[in-house]
């Protein structure tokens, strides 16, 4: 355990930030799963609706610095490609 006051504070701040990042990442993963579930069900309208929500969540995570911009772009690209390939 840390003895110095600033080190104790860093531990608390890092724990709080880790919780926040975990929640944001979890939400992104959930939205991606919803889109992929709609794709498996071959429901194009639901997939498109969920895609817009997922893209929004991914962009929010990127802007908050939780995920890298290239990672965000890759996730959006792959999801969009899957939705567009639905017959």
N, C-alpha and C. Protein backbone atom coordinates (compact mmCIF):
# COMPACT_ATOMS: atom_id res chain seq x y z
N UNK A 1 0.84 -1.19 0.00
CA UNK A 1 0.00 0.00 0.00
C UNK A 1 0.88 1.24 0.00
N UNK A 2 0.42 2.25 -0.72
CA UNK A 2 1.17 3.49 -0.82
C UNK A 2 1.13 4.27 0.50
N UNK A 3 2.21 4.98 0.77
CA UNK A 3 2.28 5.81 1.98
C UNK A 3 2.13 7.28 1.65
N UNK A 4 2.58 7.67 0.45
CA UNK A 4 2.57 9.07 0.06
C UNK A 4 1.15 9.47 -0.38
N UNK A 5 0.76 10.67 0.02
CA UNK A 5 -0.59 11.15 -0.24
C UNK A 5 -0.93 11.16 -1.73
N UNK A 6 -0.02 11.64 -2.56
CA UNK A 6 -0.27 11.72 -4.00
C UNK A 6 -0.40 10.33 -4.62
N UNK A 7 0.36 9.37 -4.10
CA UNK A 7 0.29 7.99 -4.60
C UNK A 7 -1.06 7.37 -4.24
N UNK A 8 -1.55 7.68 -3.03
CA UNK A 8 -2.87 7.18 -2.61
C UNK A 8 -3.96 7.74 -3.52
N UNK A 9 -3.81 9.02 -3.84
CA UNK A 9 -4.79 9.67 -4.72
C UNK A 9 -4.76 9.04 -6.11
N UNK A 10 -3.56 8.78 -6.62
CA UNK A 10 -3.43 8.17 -7.95
C UNK A 10 -4.14 6.82 -8.00
N UNK A 11 -4.01 6.05 -6.93
CA UNK A 11 -4.66 4.74 -6.85
C UNK A 11 -6.18 4.90 -6.96
N UNK A 12 -6.72 5.86 -6.22
CA UNK A 12 -8.17 6.11 -6.25
C UNK A 12 -8.63 6.59 -7.63
N UNK A 13 -7.88 7.53 -8.19
CA UNK A 13 -8.23 8.10 -9.49
C UNK A 13 -8.16 7.03 -10.59
N UNK A 14 -7.09 6.22 -10.54
CA UNK A 14 -6.95 5.16 -11.54
C UNK A 14 -8.07 4.13 -11.44
N UNK A 15 -8.48 3.82 -10.23
CA UNK A 15 -9.57 2.86 -10.03
C UNK A 15 -10.87 3.41 -10.61
N UNK A 16 -11.11 4.70 -10.39
CA UNK A 16 -12.33 5.34 -10.89
C UNK A 16 -12.33 5.36 -12.43
N UNK A 17 -11.18 5.70 -13.01
CA UNK A 17 -11.07 5.74 -14.47
C UNK A 17 -11.20 4.35 -15.08
N UNK A 18 -10.65 3.34 -14.40
CA UNK A 18 -10.74 1.96 -14.88
C UNK A 18 -12.20 1.50 -14.91
N UNK A 19 -12.96 1.87 -13.88
CA UNK A 19 -14.39 1.53 -13.81
C UNK A 19 -15.14 2.16 -14.97
N UNK A 20 -14.85 3.44 -15.22
CA UNK A 20 -15.51 4.19 -16.29
C UNK A 20 -15.19 3.56 -17.65
N UNK A 21 -13.91 3.26 -17.87
CA UNK A 21 -13.49 2.66 -19.15
C UNK A 21 -14.13 1.29 -19.34
N UNK A 22 -14.21 0.53 -18.26
CA UNK A 22 -14.80 -0.81 -18.31
C UNK A 22 -16.27 -0.73 -18.74
N UNK A 23 -16.99 0.22 -18.17
CA UNK A 23 -18.41 0.40 -18.49
C UNK A 23 -18.60 0.79 -19.95
N UNK A 24 -17.75 1.69 -20.43
CA UNK A 24 -17.85 2.15 -21.81
C UNK A 24 -17.53 1.02 -22.78
N UNK A 25 -16.46 0.28 -22.50
CA UNK A 25 -16.08 -0.86 -23.36
C UNK A 25 -17.18 -1.91 -23.38
N UNK A 26 -17.78 -2.15 -22.23
CA UNK A 26 -18.85 -3.13 -22.12
C UNK A 26 -20.04 -2.72 -22.98
N UNK A 27 -20.38 -1.44 -22.95
CA UNK A 27 -21.51 -0.94 -23.74
C UNK A 27 -21.23 -1.09 -25.23
N UNK A 28 -20.00 -0.79 -25.64
CA UNK A 28 -19.61 -0.93 -27.05
C UNK A 28 -19.77 -2.40 -27.48
N UNK A 29 -19.26 -3.31 -26.65
CA UNK A 29 -19.35 -4.75 -26.98
C UNK A 29 -20.80 -5.20 -27.08
N UNK A 30 -21.65 -4.71 -26.18
CA UNK A 30 -23.07 -5.08 -26.19
C UNK A 30 -23.73 -4.61 -27.49
N UNK A 31 -23.44 -3.39 -27.90
CA UNK A 31 -24.04 -2.85 -29.12
C UNK A 31 -23.58 -3.63 -30.35
N UNK A 32 -22.30 -4.01 -30.36
CA UNK A 32 -21.76 -4.80 -31.48
C UNK A 32 -22.46 -6.15 -31.53
N UNK A 33 -22.68 -6.77 -30.36
CA UNK A 33 -23.36 -8.06 -30.31
C UNK A 33 -24.79 -7.95 -30.82
N UNK A 34 -25.47 -6.83 -30.52
CA UNK A 34 -26.84 -6.62 -30.99
C UNK A 34 -26.88 -6.55 -32.51
N UNK A 35 -25.92 -5.85 -33.09
CA UNK A 35 -25.86 -5.75 -34.56
C UNK A 35 -25.61 -7.13 -35.16
N UNK A 36 -24.64 -7.86 -34.59
CA UNK A 36 -24.31 -9.18 -35.12
C UNK A 36 -25.46 -10.17 -34.95
N UNK A 37 -26.24 -10.03 -33.89
CA UNK A 37 -27.41 -10.89 -33.69
C UNK A 37 -28.46 -10.62 -34.77
N UNK A 38 -28.64 -9.34 -35.10
CA UNK A 38 -29.60 -8.97 -36.15
C UNK A 38 -29.12 -9.48 -37.51
N UNK A 39 -27.81 -9.48 -37.72
CA UNK A 39 -27.24 -9.98 -38.98
C UNK A 39 -27.49 -11.49 -39.09
N UNK A 40 -27.27 -12.21 -37.99
CA UNK A 40 -27.51 -13.66 -37.99
C UNK A 40 -28.98 -13.98 -38.24
N UNK A 41 -29.87 -13.13 -37.71
CA UNK A 41 -31.30 -13.32 -37.92
C UNK A 41 -31.73 -12.84 -39.30
N UNK A 42 -30.79 -12.25 -40.03
CA UNK A 42 -31.01 -11.69 -41.37
C UNK A 42 -32.13 -10.65 -41.39
N UNK A 43 -32.17 -9.83 -40.35
CA UNK A 43 -33.13 -8.73 -40.25
C UNK A 43 -32.41 -7.44 -40.59
N UNK A 44 -32.49 -7.04 -41.85
CA UNK A 44 -31.70 -5.90 -42.34
C UNK A 44 -32.10 -4.59 -41.66
N UNK A 45 -33.41 -4.38 -41.46
CA UNK A 45 -33.87 -3.13 -40.85
C UNK A 45 -33.36 -3.00 -39.41
N UNK A 46 -33.48 -4.07 -38.65
CA UNK A 46 -33.01 -4.06 -37.26
C UNK A 46 -31.50 -3.89 -37.22
N UNK A 47 -30.81 -4.56 -38.15
CA UNK A 47 -29.35 -4.46 -38.21
C UNK A 47 -28.92 -3.02 -38.49
N UNK A 48 -29.62 -2.37 -39.42
CA UNK A 48 -29.27 -0.97 -39.75
C UNK A 48 -29.55 -0.05 -38.56
N UNK A 49 -30.67 -0.28 -37.89
CA UNK A 49 -31.02 0.55 -36.72
C UNK A 49 -29.98 0.37 -35.62
N UNK A 50 -29.62 -0.89 -35.35
CA UNK A 50 -28.63 -1.16 -34.32
C UNK A 50 -27.24 -0.68 -34.72
N UNK A 51 -26.97 -0.68 -36.03
CA UNK A 51 -25.66 -0.22 -36.52
C UNK A 51 -25.45 1.26 -36.19
N UNK A 52 -26.46 2.07 -36.40
CA UNK A 52 -26.31 3.50 -36.11
C UNK A 52 -26.05 3.74 -34.63
N UNK A 53 -26.73 2.97 -33.78
CA UNK A 53 -26.52 3.09 -32.33
C UNK A 53 -25.10 2.63 -31.97
N UNK A 54 -24.68 1.52 -32.57
CA UNK A 54 -23.34 0.98 -32.28
C UNK A 54 -22.25 1.96 -32.73
N UNK A 55 -22.42 2.54 -33.91
CA UNK A 55 -21.44 3.50 -34.41
C UNK A 55 -21.35 4.70 -33.46
N UNK A 56 -22.49 5.14 -32.97
CA UNK A 56 -22.53 6.26 -32.03
C UNK A 56 -21.75 5.92 -30.75
N UNK A 57 -21.98 4.72 -30.22
CA UNK A 57 -21.29 4.30 -28.99
C UNK A 57 -19.79 4.16 -29.22
N UNK A 58 -19.41 3.61 -30.37
CA UNK A 58 -17.99 3.45 -30.70
C UNK A 58 -17.31 4.81 -30.81
N UNK A 59 -17.99 5.76 -31.47
CA UNK A 59 -17.43 7.11 -31.60
C UNK A 59 -17.29 7.81 -30.25
N UNK A 60 -18.27 7.59 -29.36
CA UNK A 60 -18.19 8.18 -28.01
C UNK A 60 -16.98 7.62 -27.26
N UNK A 61 -16.80 6.30 -27.36
CA UNK A 61 -15.67 5.65 -26.68
C UNK A 61 -14.35 6.19 -27.22
N UNK A 62 -14.31 6.41 -28.53
CA UNK A 62 -13.10 6.94 -29.18
C UNK A 62 -12.82 8.36 -28.71
N UNK A 63 -13.86 9.19 -28.68
CA UNK A 63 -13.67 10.59 -28.30
C UNK A 63 -13.26 10.73 -26.83
N UNK A 64 -13.66 9.77 -25.99
CA UNK A 64 -13.29 9.80 -24.58
C UNK A 64 -11.92 9.17 -24.33
N UNK A 65 -11.32 8.64 -25.38
CA UNK A 65 -9.99 8.07 -25.25
C UNK A 65 -9.97 6.66 -24.70
N UNK A 66 -11.12 5.99 -24.70
CA UNK A 66 -11.19 4.64 -24.18
C UNK A 66 -10.63 3.65 -25.21
N UNK A 67 -10.95 3.90 -26.48
CA UNK A 67 -10.37 3.09 -27.55
C UNK A 67 -9.68 4.01 -28.56
N UNK A 68 -8.68 3.48 -29.24
CA UNK A 68 -7.91 4.24 -30.22
C UNK A 68 -8.76 4.53 -31.44
N UNK A 69 -8.47 5.63 -32.14
CA UNK A 69 -9.28 6.02 -33.29
C UNK A 69 -9.23 4.99 -34.41
N UNK A 70 -8.09 4.34 -34.58
CA UNK A 70 -7.98 3.32 -35.62
C UNK A 70 -8.80 2.08 -35.26
N UNK A 71 -8.83 1.74 -34.00
CA UNK A 71 -9.63 0.61 -33.53
C UNK A 71 -11.10 0.91 -33.77
N UNK A 72 -11.51 2.14 -33.45
CA UNK A 72 -12.89 2.55 -33.65
C UNK A 72 -13.26 2.48 -35.14
N UNK A 73 -12.37 2.99 -35.98
CA UNK A 73 -12.62 2.98 -37.42
C UNK A 73 -12.72 1.56 -37.95
N UNK A 74 -11.86 0.67 -37.44
CA UNK A 74 -11.87 -0.73 -37.87
C UNK A 74 -13.18 -1.42 -37.48
N UNK A 75 -13.62 -1.19 -36.25
CA UNK A 75 -14.86 -1.80 -35.77
C UNK A 75 -16.06 -1.31 -36.59
N UNK A 76 -16.12 -0.01 -36.84
CA UNK A 76 -17.21 0.57 -37.62
C UNK A 76 -17.20 0.01 -39.03
N UNK A 77 -16.02 -0.05 -39.63
CA UNK A 77 -15.88 -0.54 -40.99
C UNK A 77 -16.36 -1.98 -41.12
N UNK A 78 -15.92 -2.83 -40.21
CA UNK A 78 -16.28 -4.25 -40.28
C UNK A 78 -17.77 -4.47 -40.07
N UNK A 79 -18.35 -3.71 -39.11
CA UNK A 79 -19.79 -3.85 -38.87
C UNK A 79 -20.60 -3.38 -40.07
N UNK A 80 -20.21 -2.23 -40.63
CA UNK A 80 -20.91 -1.68 -41.78
C UNK A 80 -20.84 -2.64 -42.96
N UNK A 81 -19.66 -3.23 -43.16
CA UNK A 81 -19.47 -4.19 -44.25
C UNK A 81 -20.42 -5.38 -44.09
N UNK A 82 -20.52 -5.91 -42.86
CA UNK A 82 -21.39 -7.05 -42.59
C UNK A 82 -22.86 -6.71 -42.86
N UNK A 83 -23.29 -5.51 -42.43
CA UNK A 83 -24.68 -5.10 -42.63
C UNK A 83 -24.97 -4.91 -44.12
N UNK A 84 -24.01 -4.32 -44.83
CA UNK A 84 -24.21 -4.07 -46.27
C UNK A 84 -24.22 -5.36 -47.08
N UNK A 85 -23.58 -6.41 -46.58
CA UNK A 85 -23.53 -7.68 -47.29
C UNK A 85 -24.81 -8.51 -47.11
N UNK A 86 -25.72 -8.04 -46.24
CA UNK A 86 -27.01 -8.75 -46.09
C UNK A 86 -27.78 -8.66 -47.40
N UNK A 87 -28.35 -9.76 -47.81
CA UNK A 87 -29.07 -9.78 -49.10
C UNK A 87 -30.36 -8.99 -49.04
